[in-house]
Amino acid sequence: MNSVRPSWTTLLQQHAWRISIIILYISWGVNKYQSSNMSSTGAIFFATVSLWLSKREIEFMIVRRSLPPGDLGLPLLGHLIAFLTNPGNHSNYCLQNYGPVYSEKILSNMGVIFTKEEDIRWVWNSE
């Protein structure tokens, strides 16, 4: 059961939209604070939320690096639409592109999919 871990470059590309939103949020807050439209309490709240979002994204990228290859799908939905509309085609697509063991995201849940019987037995029999 060999799988290649995604590179950091691949992870950054897959997480680019989330990182962009965090950067926009931070730049908006800095701009508001500099123009004196934000109180010090608001600035502290803003900084806390920014740090929390950044920390969460970094943790998610680290976890994602330990998973088999796959992609995240659409923002928020993941692969839900593809899975519901035509699960057979979606599974075949992932099998062809990522191999017999791949990861995917449906809504906020990451999962690892095993397609070979021996891999499934290994998962169920390991402790």
Protein backbone atom coordinates (compact mmCIF):
# COMPACT_ATOMS: atom_id res chain seq x y z
CA MET A 1 0.00 0.00 0.00
CA ASN A 2 2.29 2.74 -1.31
CA SER A 3 1.08 6.24 -1.89
CA VAL A 4 3.02 9.36 -2.75
CA ARG A 5 2.55 12.28 -0.40
CA PRO A 6 1.59 15.54 -2.06
CA SER A 7 4.38 18.11 -2.19
CA TRP A 8 4.16 21.40 -0.31
CA THR A 9 3.77 23.17 -3.67
CA THR A 10 0.75 21.03 -4.51
CA LEU A 11 -0.75 21.69 -1.08
CA LEU A 12 -0.25 25.44 -1.45
CA GLN A 13 -1.99 25.33 -4.83
CA GLN A 14 -4.91 23.37 -3.38
CA HIS A 15 -5.21 25.72 -0.40
CA ALA A 16 -4.64 28.93 -2.37
CA TRP A 17 -8.25 30.15 -2.19
CA ARG A 18 -8.35 29.73 1.58
CA ILE A 19 -4.98 31.42 2.06
CA SER A 20 -6.11 34.27 -0.23
CA ILE A 21 -9.22 34.84 1.89
CA ILE A 22 -7.11 34.99 5.06
CA ILE A 23 -4.70 37.48 3.44
CA LEU A 24 -7.60 39.66 2.23
CA TYR A 25 -9.12 39.57 5.71
CA ILE A 26 -5.82 40.60 7.30
CA SER A 27 -5.21 43.43 4.80
CA TRP A 28 -8.78 44.72 5.29
CA GLY A 29 -8.32 44.78 9.06
CA VAL A 30 -4.94 46.53 8.87
CA ASN A 31 -6.45 49.13 6.54
CA LYS A 32 -9.41 49.71 8.89
CA TYR A 33 -7.12 50.03 11.90
CA GLN A 34 -4.76 52.45 10.15
CA SER A 35 -7.64 54.67 9.05
CA SER A 36 -8.74 54.80 12.74
CA ASN A 37 -12.15 53.27 11.99
CA MET A 38 -11.46 50.41 14.39
CA SER A 39 -11.18 50.53 18.17
CA SER A 40 -8.38 48.80 20.03
CA THR A 41 -10.85 46.10 21.17
CA GLY A 42 -11.85 45.53 17.56
CA ALA A 43 -8.19 45.33 16.55
CA ILE A 44 -7.49 42.73 19.26
CA PHE A 45 -10.53 40.70 18.16
CA PHE A 46 -9.47 40.99 14.53
CA ALA A 47 -5.89 39.90 15.31
CA THR A 48 -7.15 36.93 17.33
CA VAL A 49 -9.44 35.75 14.52
CA SER A 50 -6.64 36.21 11.95
CA LEU A 51 -4.20 34.17 14.02
CA TRP A 52 -6.81 31.47 14.64
CA LEU A 53 -7.62 31.19 10.90
CA SER A 54 -3.93 31.05 10.00
CA LYS A 55 -3.20 28.41 12.65
CA ARG A 56 -6.14 26.28 11.49
CA GLU A 57 -5.08 26.46 7.86
CA ILE A 58 -1.49 25.47 8.68
CA GLU A 59 -2.72 22.55 10.80
CA PHE A 60 -5.02 21.43 7.97
CA MET A 61 -2.13 21.58 5.47
CA ILE A 62 0.04 19.46 7.78
CA VAL A 63 -2.72 16.86 8.19
CA ARG A 64 -3.38 16.95 4.45
CA ARG A 65 0.29 16.23 3.77
CA SER A 66 0.06 12.95 5.70
CA LEU A 67 -2.89 11.73 3.61
CA PRO A 68 -2.68 9.88 0.28
CA PRO A 69 -2.96 11.89 -2.96
CA GLY A 70 -6.28 13.45 -3.92
CA ASP A 71 -7.77 16.91 -4.13
CA LEU A 72 -10.09 18.98 -2.00
CA GLY A 73 -12.83 19.54 -4.57
CA LEU A 74 -14.99 22.63 -4.38
CA PRO A 75 -14.70 25.07 -1.47
CA LEU A 76 -16.98 24.02 1.41
CA LEU A 77 -18.65 21.20 -0.59
CA GLY A 78 -15.61 19.14 -1.52
CA HIS A 79 -16.66 16.28 -3.80
CA LEU A 80 -20.25 16.11 -2.57
CA ILE A 81 -21.90 17.12 -5.87
CA ALA A 82 -19.76 14.74 -7.97
CA PHE A 83 -20.36 11.93 -5.50
CA LEU A 84 -24.14 12.43 -5.39
CA THR A 85 -24.70 12.95 -9.13
CA ASN A 86 -22.57 10.09 -10.46
CA PRO A 87 -20.60 8.13 -7.85
CA GLY A 88 -19.33 5.56 -10.38
CA ASN A 89 -17.73 8.14 -12.68
CA HIS A 90 -16.32 10.04 -9.71
CA SER A 91 -14.74 6.87 -8.27
CA ASN A 92 -13.30 5.89 -11.66
CA TYR A 93 -11.86 9.39 -12.14
CA CYS A 94 -10.16 9.32 -8.73
CA LEU A 95 -8.90 5.76 -9.28
CA GLN A 96 -7.34 6.71 -12.63
CA ASN A 97 -5.79 9.96 -11.38
CA TYR A 98 -4.70 9.08 -7.85
CA GLY A 99 -4.38 5.29 -7.75
CA PRO A 100 -6.04 2.60 -5.62
CA VAL A 101 -5.66 4.57 -2.38
CA TYR A 102 -6.70 8.23 -2.45
CA SER A 103 -8.11 10.91 -0.20
CA GLU A 104 -11.10 13.13 -0.79
CA LYS A 105 -13.16 15.72 1.01
CA ILE A 106 -16.94 15.70 1.31
CA LEU A 107 -18.26 18.78 3.11
CA SER A 108 -15.81 19.29 5.99
CA ASN A 109 -14.78 15.63 6.29
CA MET A 110 -11.55 14.25 4.85
CA GLY A 111 -11.52 10.56 4.06
CA VAL A 112 -9.20 7.94 2.66
CA ILE A 113 -10.66 5.61 0.03
CA PHE A 114 -9.29 2.11 -0.47
CA THR A 115 -10.25 0.28 -3.69
CA LYS A 116 -8.23 -2.94 -3.47
CA GLU A 117 -9.58 -5.81 -1.42
CA GLU A 118 -6.19 -6.49 0.19
CA ASP A 119 -5.91 -2.88 1.37
CA ILE A 120 -9.42 -2.99 2.83
CA ARG A 121 -8.57 -6.22 4.68
CA TRP A 122 -5.36 -4.59 5.97
CA VAL A 123 -7.37 -1.63 7.34
CA TRP A 124 -9.95 -3.82 9.06
CA ASN A 125 -7.37 -6.24 10.50
CA SER A 126 -4.81 -3.73 11.75
CA GLU A 127 -5.06 -2.46 15.28
